[in-house]
Amino acid sequence: MRTTLTIDDDLAGLLQRKARELDKPFKELVNTALRKGLAENLSQKNVNITVRTHDFGATRAGLDMDRLNQFVDELEVEDYLRKAAKDDSARH
């Protein structure tokens, strides 16, 4: 697959130098480095992730923090309908 990739100048310099040292094409060296890096990240099994809880305190009546995404969606729909109504009235 052909794609455009922006590589930091310092990293590009290291890759180009290594490609010359190994007498390998730049593209091959980049692909090899990406494969090794991804394999190492995927094989790490002892990754500790800490999730800190946050107390939001008292919320407005009728606002269920477990359904906050739904609330945001409803607000976006209301905003869209308000704007659509304004645009529609401006056309007539």
N, C-alpha and C. Protein backbone atom coordinates (compact mmCIF):
# COMPACT_ATOMS: atom_id res chain seq x y z
N MET A 1 0.83 -1.17 0.00
CA MET A 1 0.00 0.00 0.00
C MET A 1 0.88 1.24 0.00
N ARG A 2 0.53 2.19 -0.79
CA ARG A 2 1.28 3.43 -0.86
C ARG A 2 0.57 4.47 0.00
N THR A 3 1.34 5.14 0.86
CA THR A 3 0.76 6.18 1.71
C THR A 3 1.81 7.24 1.99
N THR A 4 1.36 8.40 2.41
CA THR A 4 2.28 9.47 2.78
C THR A 4 2.45 9.43 4.29
N LEU A 5 3.69 9.50 4.73
CA LEU A 5 4.00 9.42 6.14
C LEU A 5 4.96 10.54 6.48
N THR A 6 4.65 11.33 7.49
CA THR A 6 5.54 12.39 7.93
C THR A 6 6.35 11.87 9.11
N ILE A 7 7.66 11.87 8.93
CA ILE A 7 8.57 11.35 9.96
C ILE A 7 9.39 12.53 10.48
N ASP A 8 9.53 12.62 11.79
CA ASP A 8 10.35 13.68 12.38
C ASP A 8 11.75 13.65 11.78
N ASP A 9 12.35 14.84 11.61
CA ASP A 9 13.65 14.94 10.95
C ASP A 9 14.73 14.10 11.62
N ASP A 10 14.76 14.12 12.96
CA ASP A 10 15.80 13.35 13.65
C ASP A 10 15.63 11.86 13.42
N LEU A 11 14.38 11.40 13.42
CA LEU A 11 14.11 9.99 13.20
C LEU A 11 14.40 9.58 11.76
N ALA A 12 14.05 10.45 10.81
CA ALA A 12 14.32 10.18 9.40
C ALA A 12 15.82 10.05 9.17
N GLY A 13 16.59 10.92 9.83
CA GLY A 13 18.05 10.85 9.70
C GLY A 13 18.60 9.54 10.22
N LEU A 14 18.10 9.11 11.37
CA LEU A 14 18.55 7.82 11.93
C LEU A 14 18.19 6.67 11.01
N LEU A 15 16.98 6.69 10.47
CA LEU A 15 16.55 5.61 9.57
C LEU A 15 17.38 5.59 8.29
N GLN A 16 17.65 6.77 7.73
CA GLN A 16 18.45 6.83 6.50
C GLN A 16 19.88 6.33 6.74
N ARG A 17 20.46 6.73 7.87
CA ARG A 17 21.81 6.28 8.20
C ARG A 17 21.85 4.77 8.39
N LYS A 18 20.84 4.23 9.10
CA LYS A 18 20.79 2.78 9.32
C LYS A 18 20.59 2.04 8.01
N ALA A 19 19.77 2.59 7.13
CA ALA A 19 19.53 1.95 5.82
C ALA A 19 20.83 1.88 5.02
N ARG A 20 21.63 2.94 5.07
CA ARG A 20 22.93 2.93 4.37
C ARG A 20 23.87 1.90 5.00
N GLU A 21 23.90 1.89 6.35
CA GLU A 21 24.79 0.93 7.05
C GLU A 21 24.45 -0.50 6.69
N LEU A 22 23.16 -0.81 6.63
CA LEU A 22 22.71 -2.18 6.35
C LEU A 22 22.58 -2.46 4.87
N ASP A 23 22.80 -1.42 4.06
CA ASP A 23 22.64 -1.53 2.60
C ASP A 23 21.26 -2.08 2.24
N LYS A 24 20.25 -1.47 2.86
CA LYS A 24 18.86 -1.87 2.63
C LYS A 24 18.07 -0.64 2.20
N PRO A 25 17.00 -0.84 1.45
CA PRO A 25 16.17 0.31 1.07
C PRO A 25 15.50 0.93 2.29
N PHE A 26 15.34 2.24 2.25
CA PHE A 26 14.71 3.00 3.33
C PHE A 26 13.34 2.42 3.66
N LYS A 27 12.56 2.14 2.63
CA LYS A 27 11.21 1.60 2.80
C LYS A 27 11.24 0.29 3.59
N GLU A 28 12.17 -0.58 3.27
CA GLU A 28 12.27 -1.87 3.97
C GLU A 28 12.62 -1.67 5.44
N LEU A 29 13.54 -0.74 5.70
CA LEU A 29 13.95 -0.48 7.08
C LEU A 29 12.78 0.09 7.89
N VAL A 30 12.01 1.02 7.30
CA VAL A 30 10.86 1.60 8.00
C VAL A 30 9.84 0.52 8.31
N ASN A 31 9.52 -0.33 7.32
CA ASN A 31 8.56 -1.41 7.55
C ASN A 31 9.02 -2.37 8.64
N THR A 32 10.30 -2.71 8.64
CA THR A 32 10.85 -3.61 9.66
C THR A 32 10.74 -2.97 11.05
N ALA A 33 11.08 -1.69 11.14
CA ALA A 33 11.03 -0.99 12.43
C ALA A 33 9.58 -0.92 12.94
N LEU A 34 8.65 -0.63 12.05
CA LEU A 34 7.24 -0.58 12.46
C LEU A 34 6.75 -1.94 12.94
N ARG A 35 7.12 -3.00 12.21
CA ARG A 35 6.70 -4.35 12.63
C ARG A 35 7.25 -4.70 14.00
N LYS A 36 8.54 -4.41 14.21
CA LYS A 36 9.15 -4.71 15.52
C LYS A 36 8.49 -3.92 16.63
N GLY A 37 8.26 -2.64 16.40
CA GLY A 37 7.64 -1.79 17.41
C GLY A 37 6.23 -2.24 17.75
N LEU A 38 5.45 -2.58 16.73
CA LEU A 38 4.09 -3.04 16.97
C LEU A 38 4.08 -4.39 17.68
N ALA A 39 4.98 -5.28 17.29
CA ALA A 39 5.04 -6.60 17.92
C ALA A 39 5.39 -6.46 19.40
N GLU A 40 6.31 -5.56 19.72
CA GLU A 40 6.68 -5.36 21.13
C GLU A 40 5.51 -4.80 21.92
N ASN A 41 4.80 -3.83 21.34
CA ASN A 41 3.66 -3.24 22.05
C ASN A 41 2.54 -4.25 22.24
N LEU A 42 2.30 -5.08 21.24
CA LEU A 42 1.21 -6.05 21.33
C LEU A 42 1.54 -7.21 22.27
N SER A 43 2.84 -7.48 22.45
CA SER A 43 3.22 -8.63 23.28
C SER A 43 3.35 -8.27 24.75
N GLN A 44 3.29 -6.99 25.09
CA GLN A 44 3.39 -6.59 26.49
C GLN A 44 2.11 -6.99 27.21
N LYS A 45 2.24 -7.97 28.09
CA LYS A 45 1.05 -8.48 28.79
C LYS A 45 0.88 -7.87 30.17
N ASN A 46 1.94 -7.36 30.73
CA ASN A 46 1.88 -6.82 32.10
C ASN A 46 1.78 -5.31 32.09
N VAL A 47 0.83 -4.81 31.36
CA VAL A 47 0.62 -3.37 31.31
C VAL A 47 -0.37 -3.01 32.41
N ASN A 48 0.08 -2.18 33.33
CA ASN A 48 -0.78 -1.76 34.43
C ASN A 48 -1.48 -0.46 34.07
N ILE A 49 -2.77 -0.47 34.10
CA ILE A 49 -3.56 0.72 33.82
C ILE A 49 -4.33 1.06 35.08
N THR A 50 -4.18 2.28 35.51
CA THR A 50 -4.88 2.74 36.70
C THR A 50 -5.97 3.71 36.27
N VAL A 51 -7.18 3.44 36.69
CA VAL A 51 -8.29 4.32 36.41
C VAL A 51 -8.69 4.99 37.71
N ARG A 52 -8.58 6.31 37.72
CA ARG A 52 -8.96 7.05 38.91
C ARG A 52 -10.41 7.49 38.79
N THR A 53 -11.15 7.29 39.82
CA THR A 53 -12.55 7.70 39.81
C THR A 53 -12.65 9.18 40.14
N HIS A 54 -13.76 9.76 39.77
CA HIS A 54 -13.99 11.17 40.04
C HIS A 54 -15.40 11.33 40.57
N ASP A 55 -15.53 12.00 41.67
CA ASP A 55 -16.85 12.26 42.23
C ASP A 55 -17.37 13.56 41.63
N PHE A 56 -18.43 13.46 40.86
CA PHE A 56 -19.02 14.64 40.23
C PHE A 56 -19.89 15.42 41.19
N GLY A 57 -20.07 14.93 42.37
CA GLY A 57 -20.87 15.62 43.36
C GLY A 57 -22.35 15.58 42.98
N ALA A 58 -23.08 16.48 43.54
CA ALA A 58 -24.53 16.52 43.28
C ALA A 58 -24.78 16.97 41.84
N THR A 59 -25.68 16.31 41.19
CA THR A 59 -26.05 16.67 39.82
C THR A 59 -27.47 17.19 39.80
N ARG A 60 -27.81 17.79 38.69
CA ARG A 60 -29.17 18.31 38.56
C ARG A 60 -30.17 17.17 38.62
N ALA A 61 -31.35 17.47 39.16
CA ALA A 61 -32.41 16.46 39.22
C ALA A 61 -32.75 16.02 37.81
N GLY A 62 -32.89 14.73 37.62
CA GLY A 62 -33.25 14.18 36.31
C GLY A 62 -32.05 13.90 35.43
N LEU A 63 -30.85 14.23 35.86
CA LEU A 63 -29.65 13.99 35.07
C LEU A 63 -28.95 12.75 35.61
N ASP A 64 -28.97 11.69 34.83
CA ASP A 64 -28.35 10.43 35.21
C ASP A 64 -26.95 10.39 34.61
N MET A 65 -25.92 10.46 35.44
CA MET A 65 -24.54 10.50 34.95
C MET A 65 -24.19 9.27 34.11
N ASP A 66 -24.88 8.16 34.32
CA ASP A 66 -24.62 6.96 33.54
C ASP A 66 -25.17 7.09 32.12
N ARG A 67 -26.03 8.08 31.90
CA ARG A 67 -26.61 8.27 30.57
C ARG A 67 -26.23 9.64 30.01
N LEU A 68 -25.06 10.11 30.38
CA LEU A 68 -24.62 11.43 29.97
C LEU A 68 -24.47 11.54 28.46
N ASN A 69 -23.97 10.49 27.80
CA ASN A 69 -23.83 10.52 26.35
C ASN A 69 -25.18 10.71 25.67
N GLN A 70 -26.20 10.06 26.19
CA GLN A 70 -27.53 10.22 25.63
C GLN A 70 -28.00 11.67 25.78
N PHE A 71 -27.71 12.26 26.93
CA PHE A 71 -28.08 13.65 27.19
C PHE A 71 -27.39 14.58 26.18
N VAL A 72 -26.11 14.35 25.94
CA VAL A 72 -25.36 15.17 24.98
C VAL A 72 -25.96 15.00 23.58
N ASP A 73 -26.30 13.78 23.20
CA ASP A 73 -26.94 13.54 21.90
C ASP A 73 -28.25 14.31 21.78
N GLU A 74 -29.04 14.30 22.83
CA GLU A 74 -30.32 15.02 22.81
C GLU A 74 -30.10 16.52 22.66
N LEU A 75 -29.09 17.05 23.34
CA LEU A 75 -28.77 18.47 23.19
C LEU A 75 -28.34 18.81 21.77
N GLU A 76 -27.54 17.93 21.16
CA GLU A 76 -27.10 18.16 19.79
C GLU A 76 -28.27 18.13 18.82
N VAL A 77 -29.22 17.20 19.03
CA VAL A 77 -30.40 17.13 18.17
C VAL A 77 -31.22 18.41 18.31
N GLU A 78 -31.43 18.87 19.54
CA GLU A 78 -32.18 20.11 19.76
C GLU A 78 -31.50 21.28 19.07
N ASP A 79 -30.17 21.36 19.17
CA ASP A 79 -29.43 22.44 18.55
C ASP A 79 -29.57 22.38 17.02
N TYR A 80 -29.45 21.18 16.46
CA TYR A 80 -29.60 20.99 15.02
C TYR A 80 -30.99 21.42 14.56
N LEU A 81 -32.03 20.99 15.27
CA LEU A 81 -33.40 21.34 14.89
C LEU A 81 -33.62 22.85 14.99
N ARG A 82 -33.05 23.47 16.02
CA ARG A 82 -33.19 24.92 16.17
C ARG A 82 -32.53 25.65 15.00
N LYS A 83 -31.34 25.22 14.62
CA LYS A 83 -30.63 25.84 13.50
C LYS A 83 -31.36 25.59 12.18
N ALA A 84 -31.88 24.37 12.00
CA ALA A 84 -32.60 24.04 10.78
C ALA A 84 -33.86 24.89 10.66
N ALA A 85 -34.55 25.09 11.77
CA ALA A 85 -35.76 25.91 11.76
C ALA A 85 -35.42 27.36 11.43
N LYS A 86 -34.30 27.86 11.96
CA LYS A 86 -33.87 29.22 11.68
C LYS A 86 -33.51 29.36 10.20
N ASP A 87 -32.78 28.36 9.64
CA ASP A 87 -32.42 28.39 8.23
C ASP A 87 -33.65 28.32 7.34
N ASP A 88 -34.61 27.50 7.75
CA ASP A 88 -35.84 27.33 6.96
C ASP A 88 -36.64 28.62 6.95
N SER A 89 -36.72 29.30 8.09
CA SER A 89 -37.50 30.54 8.15
C SER A 89 -36.80 31.66 7.37
N ALA A 90 -35.49 31.62 7.28
CA ALA A 90 -34.75 32.63 6.52
C ALA A 90 -34.96 32.47 5.02
N ARG A 91 -35.24 31.26 4.57
CA ARG A 91 -35.45 31.00 3.15
C ARG A 91 -36.82 31.48 2.68
N HIS A 92 -37.79 31.53 3.58
CA HIS A 92 -39.16 31.88 3.17
C HIS A 92 -39.46 33.31 3.38
